[in-house]
């Protein structure tokens, strides 16, 4: 019997041989994995963001010079907002990616691999002052270098990790199943588990897929191959994939499925 919440599991040395694989197991028994980012790409991403912030402040400084002391006050206010809320806005509104992180295919997520929200993002960025101590982000770099998942102090406090953002599997690699709307009220964790199962159907054995489908029988209400096919259909629907039309005759004789509002 699995725990009621997703928990981090150590990487399997037989599969990776490295400690950069971050893996959790959902309550339904679905393994979700991500590749964590080390200190070097994170420092480079921070450098890119620092360049953009400095460029913005330079342009503002030149523009506000004509306003005298008022302009200086506005510049200082903008400097404060850019320093502390520039990363927060990008992380929350752009799926965990600032421009610097996007340049290196990085993203900030919660430690259960769900999208980061306002609270964790504000927490991890406000605690950058602790990572800066005693100077030059020494504490943060030391924390990343010593931790298994390269988390700085702000990440530990907010419960976040920085991972590489991988491309979603192509539609052609998804199982051949008719897209099926999910049951009303399907929980986020269940949706993530079904999407992961659907995307990995081409690398998981049929027996393993069937085992995972049996764990999700309360969601589908079906067992055996019928339950697995329904999960594949729900996964295709959640991914926005559509089954290609075979021919006009088939399309004419097959009743269309009404769209369901999300």
Protein backbone atom coordinates (compact mmCIF):
# COMPACT_ATOMS: atom_id res chain seq x y z
CA UNK A 1 0.00 0.00 0.00
CA UNK A 2 1.44 3.34 -1.04
CA UNK A 3 1.58 6.50 1.02
CA UNK A 4 -1.18 9.05 0.46
CA UNK A 5 1.26 11.67 -0.83
CA UNK A 6 3.99 11.65 -3.43
CA UNK A 7 7.41 11.18 -1.88
CA UNK A 8 10.91 11.55 -3.21
CA UNK A 9 12.76 8.32 -3.87
CA UNK A 10 16.51 7.91 -4.41
CA UNK A 11 17.58 7.24 -7.97
CA UNK A 12 18.24 3.67 -9.01
CA UNK A 13 21.99 3.25 -9.58
CA UNK A 14 21.32 0.37 -11.94
CA UNK A 15 19.38 2.69 -14.24
CA UNK A 16 21.38 5.91 -14.14
CA UNK A 17 24.58 5.56 -12.13
CA UNK A 18 24.21 9.26 -11.31
CA UNK A 19 22.56 11.28 -8.57
CA UNK A 20 21.02 13.82 -10.94
CA UNK A 21 17.78 11.87 -11.45
CA UNK A 22 14.99 13.12 -9.21
CA UNK A 23 12.21 10.56 -8.85
CA UNK A 24 8.90 10.53 -6.99
CA UNK A 25 6.12 7.98 -6.82
CA UNK A 26 2.50 9.09 -6.91
CA UNK A 27 -0.17 7.42 -4.73
CA UNK A 28 -1.24 5.47 -7.84
CA UNK A 29 2.22 3.92 -8.21
CA UNK A 30 3.31 6.03 -11.21
CA UNK A 31 6.99 7.00 -11.21
CA UNK A 32 7.67 10.61 -12.21
CA UNK A 33 11.26 11.56 -12.93
CA UNK A 34 13.18 14.71 -13.78
CA UNK A 35 16.83 15.63 -14.26
CA UNK A 36 17.95 18.14 -11.64
CA UNK A 37 20.22 21.05 -12.63
CA UNK A 38 23.59 21.49 -11.03
CA UNK A 39 25.30 24.68 -9.85
CA UNK A 40 26.98 25.60 -13.16
CA UNK A 41 23.86 25.92 -15.39
CA UNK A 42 22.02 27.64 -12.56
CA UNK A 43 24.81 30.20 -12.15
CA UNK A 44 24.83 30.79 -15.90
CA UNK A 45 21.04 31.25 -15.91
CA UNK A 46 21.33 33.72 -13.01
CA UNK A 47 24.00 35.62 -14.96
CA UNK A 48 21.64 35.98 -17.93
CA UNK A 49 18.84 37.26 -15.67
CA UNK A 50 21.27 39.65 -13.98
CA UNK A 51 22.23 41.04 -17.39
CA UNK A 52 18.57 41.64 -18.30
CA UNK A 53 17.84 43.32 -14.96
CA UNK A 54 20.94 45.53 -15.27
CA UNK A 55 19.97 46.50 -18.81
CA UNK A 56 16.46 47.48 -17.67
CA UNK A 57 17.87 49.55 -14.80
CA UNK A 58 20.34 51.26 -17.15
CA UNK A 59 17.58 52.29 -19.53
CA UNK A 60 15.41 53.49 -16.63
CA UNK A 61 18.32 55.43 -15.16
CA UNK A 62 18.93 57.28 -18.43
CA UNK A 63 15.19 57.93 -18.88
CA UNK A 64 14.56 59.16 -15.34
CA UNK A 65 17.56 61.49 -15.11
CA UNK A 66 15.41 64.38 -16.30
CA UNK A 67 13.12 63.96 -13.26
CA UNK A 68 15.83 64.85 -10.73
CA UNK A 69 15.33 63.55 -7.20
CA UNK A 70 11.93 62.13 -8.11
CA UNK A 71 13.58 60.13 -10.86
CA UNK A 72 16.16 58.79 -8.41
CA UNK A 73 13.39 57.70 -6.09
CA UNK A 74 11.54 55.94 -8.90
CA UNK A 75 14.75 54.26 -10.02
CA UNK A 76 15.43 52.94 -6.53
CA UNK A 77 11.85 51.62 -6.31
CA UNK A 78 12.17 49.87 -9.67
CA UNK A 79 15.53 48.46 -8.61
CA UNK A 80 13.94 46.95 -5.49
CA UNK A 81 11.03 45.45 -7.43
CA UNK A 82 13.31 43.98 -10.10
CA UNK A 83 15.65 42.47 -7.53
CA UNK A 84 12.98 40.66 -5.52
CA UNK A 85 9.94 40.19 -7.78
CA UNK A 86 11.41 39.81 -11.28
CA UNK A 87 12.05 36.08 -10.71
CA UNK A 88 8.75 35.55 -8.87
CA UNK A 89 6.60 36.85 -11.71
CA UNK A 90 8.42 34.83 -14.35
CA UNK A 91 8.49 31.63 -12.29
CA UNK A 92 4.77 31.70 -11.54
CA UNK A 93 3.45 33.09 -14.83
CA UNK A 94 5.86 31.29 -17.18
CA UNK A 95 5.84 27.77 -15.75
CA UNK A 96 8.90 28.12 -13.54
CA UNK A 97 11.15 29.79 -16.10
CA UNK A 98 12.83 33.18 -16.00
CA UNK A 99 14.48 34.28 -19.28
CA UNK A 100 17.79 32.98 -17.96
CA UNK A 101 16.39 29.60 -17.00
CA UNK A 102 14.58 29.34 -20.32
CA UNK A 103 17.87 29.95 -22.15
CA UNK A 104 19.32 26.84 -20.48
CA UNK A 105 16.07 24.76 -20.50
CA UNK A 106 15.71 24.96 -16.72
CA UNK A 107 12.55 25.33 -14.64
CA UNK A 108 11.67 25.65 -10.96
CA UNK A 109 9.06 23.17 -9.70
CA UNK A 110 7.77 22.00 -6.35
CA UNK A 111 9.54 18.98 -4.88
CA UNK A 112 6.59 16.80 -5.97
CA UNK A 113 7.19 18.02 -9.58
CA UNK A 114 4.01 20.12 -9.68
CA UNK A 115 4.13 23.72 -11.02
CA UNK A 116 5.43 26.29 -8.56
CA UNK A 117 2.96 28.73 -7.01
CA UNK A 118 3.16 32.21 -5.51
CA UNK A 119 3.99 31.12 -1.95
CA UNK A 120 6.98 28.87 -2.71
CA UNK A 121 8.33 31.27 -5.34
CA UNK A 122 8.21 34.26 -2.99
CA UNK A 123 9.78 32.18 -0.21
CA UNK A 124 12.71 30.89 -2.27
CA UNK A 125 13.47 34.32 -3.74
CA UNK A 126 13.20 36.30 -0.49
CA UNK A 127 15.68 33.88 1.07
CA UNK A 128 18.31 34.73 -1.53
CA UNK A 129 19.78 37.08 1.07
CA UNK A 130 20.65 33.99 3.16
CA UNK A 131 22.19 32.28 0.13
CA UNK A 132 24.28 35.42 -0.49
CA UNK A 133 25.98 35.25 2.93
CA UNK A 134 28.73 35.97 3.72
CA UNK A 135 29.33 37.29 0.16
CA UNK A 136 28.94 36.29 -3.47
CA UNK A 137 26.23 33.66 -2.87
CA UNK A 138 28.79 31.54 -1.05
CA UNK A 139 26.20 29.84 1.19
CA UNK A 140 23.91 29.08 -1.73
CA UNK A 141 26.67 27.61 -3.90
CA UNK A 142 27.96 25.55 -0.97
CA UNK A 143 24.45 24.24 -0.29
CA UNK A 144 23.92 23.29 -3.94
CA UNK A 145 27.31 21.58 -4.13
CA UNK A 146 26.73 19.48 -1.02
CA UNK A 147 23.08 18.50 -1.54
CA UNK A 148 21.92 15.48 -3.54
CA UNK A 149 19.46 17.53 -5.60
CA UNK A 150 21.51 20.77 -5.79
CA UNK A 151 19.07 22.79 -3.68
CA UNK A 152 20.11 26.12 -2.26
CA UNK A 153 18.83 27.28 1.15
CA UNK A 154 15.81 28.98 -0.41
CA UNK A 155 14.89 25.74 -2.19
CA UNK A 156 15.02 23.77 1.05
CA UNK A 157 12.77 26.32 2.78
CA UNK A 158 10.25 26.54 -0.08
CA UNK A 159 10.29 22.84 -1.00
CA UNK A 160 11.42 23.40 -4.61
CA UNK A 161 13.94 21.95 -7.04
CA UNK A 162 15.38 23.22 -10.33
CA UNK A 163 15.11 20.66 -13.13
CA UNK A 164 15.72 20.42 -16.83
CA UNK A 165 12.53 20.90 -18.81
CA UNK A 166 12.18 18.06 -21.30
CA UNK A 167 10.13 18.11 -24.46
CA UNK A 168 6.74 16.41 -24.24
CA UNK A 169 6.48 13.18 -26.20
CA UNK A 170 5.28 13.64 -29.76
CA UNK A 171 1.68 12.81 -30.57
CA UNK A 172 2.79 10.08 -32.99
CA UNK A 173 4.43 8.20 -30.11
CA UNK A 174 1.25 8.09 -28.04
CA UNK A 175 -0.83 4.90 -27.90
CA UNK A 176 -3.53 4.49 -30.53
CA UNK A 177 -6.65 5.17 -28.47
CA UNK A 178 -9.68 7.39 -28.94
CA UNK A 179 -9.39 10.58 -26.82
CA UNK A 180 -11.77 10.28 -23.89
CA UNK A 181 -12.77 13.12 -21.50
CA UNK A 182 -11.71 12.38 -17.91
CA UNK A 183 -14.27 11.87 -15.16
CA UNK A 184 -15.53 15.06 -13.58
CA UNK A 185 -13.53 16.08 -10.53
CA UNK A 186 -10.41 14.08 -11.46
CA UNK A 187 -7.65 15.11 -9.05
CA UNK A 188 -4.44 16.78 -10.29
CA UNK A 189 -2.27 13.91 -9.04
CA UNK A 190 -4.41 11.42 -10.97
CA UNK A 191 -4.18 13.54 -14.11
CA UNK A 192 -0.38 13.67 -13.83
CA UNK A 193 -0.24 9.90 -13.31
CA UNK A 194 -2.41 9.21 -16.36
CA UNK A 195 -0.44 11.61 -18.57
CA UNK A 196 2.84 10.02 -17.46
CA UNK A 197 1.50 6.53 -18.20
CA UNK A 198 0.31 7.61 -21.65
CA UNK A 199 3.57 9.36 -22.60
CA UNK A 200 5.67 6.39 -21.47
CA UNK A 201 3.52 3.70 -23.05
CA UNK A 202 6.15 3.08 -25.74
CA UNK A 203 8.89 2.34 -23.17
CA UNK A 204 6.90 0.44 -20.53
CA UNK A 205 6.10 -3.23 -20.97
CA UNK A 206 2.48 -4.21 -21.47
CA UNK A 207 2.51 -6.06 -18.15
CA UNK A 208 3.80 -2.99 -16.29
CA UNK A 209 1.19 -0.77 -17.94
CA UNK A 210 -1.53 -3.22 -16.99
CA UNK A 211 -0.29 -3.27 -13.40
CA UNK A 212 -0.46 0.53 -13.21
CA UNK A 213 -3.87 0.55 -14.89
CA UNK A 214 -5.21 -1.83 -12.24
CA UNK A 215 -4.11 0.66 -9.55
CA UNK A 216 -6.19 3.33 -11.33
CA UNK A 217 -9.28 1.13 -11.65
CA UNK A 218 -11.25 3.41 -9.24
CA UNK A 219 -10.77 6.20 -11.81
CA UNK A 220 -11.77 4.24 -14.90
CA UNK A 221 -14.28 1.82 -13.41
CA UNK A 222 -12.83 -0.82 -15.76
CA UNK A 223 -10.28 -3.60 -15.39
CA UNK A 224 -7.92 -5.43 -17.71
CA UNK A 225 -7.31 -4.21 -21.25
CA UNK A 226 -10.49 -2.10 -21.19
CA UNK A 227 -9.20 -0.10 -18.24
CA UNK A 228 -5.79 0.42 -19.87
CA UNK A 229 -7.36 1.59 -23.14
CA UNK A 230 -9.58 4.04 -21.26
CA UNK A 231 -6.53 5.44 -19.42
CA UNK A 232 -4.72 5.87 -22.74
CA UNK A 233 -7.78 7.69 -24.11
CA UNK A 234 -7.95 10.00 -21.09
CA UNK A 235 -4.21 10.66 -21.39
CA UNK A 236 -4.54 11.60 -25.07
CA UNK A 237 -7.46 13.90 -24.20
CA UNK A 238 -5.45 15.62 -21.42
CA UNK A 239 -2.50 16.06 -23.79
CA UNK A 240 -4.73 17.57 -26.44
CA UNK A 241 -3.94 14.79 -28.93
CA UNK A 242 -6.50 13.81 -31.53
CA UNK A 243 -6.81 10.54 -33.36
CA UNK A 244 -6.18 11.01 -37.11
CA UNK A 245 -9.15 10.37 -39.39
CA UNK A 246 -8.81 7.11 -41.32
CA UNK A 247 -11.20 7.95 -44.15
CA UNK A 248 -14.29 9.94 -44.80
CA UNK A 249 -16.57 6.92 -44.68
CA UNK A 250 -15.37 5.99 -41.23
CA UNK A 251 -15.70 9.57 -40.07
CA UNK A 252 -19.25 9.70 -41.40
CA UNK A 253 -20.39 6.48 -39.76
CA UNK A 254 -18.73 7.15 -36.42
CA UNK A 255 -20.71 9.35 -34.04
CA UNK A 256 -18.78 12.37 -32.91
CA UNK A 257 -18.07 12.75 -29.24
CA UNK A 258 -19.29 16.03 -27.75
CA UNK A 259 -16.69 18.35 -26.37
CA UNK A 260 -16.63 18.64 -22.62
CA UNK A 261 -15.72 21.93 -21.03
CA UNK A 262 -12.69 21.72 -18.83
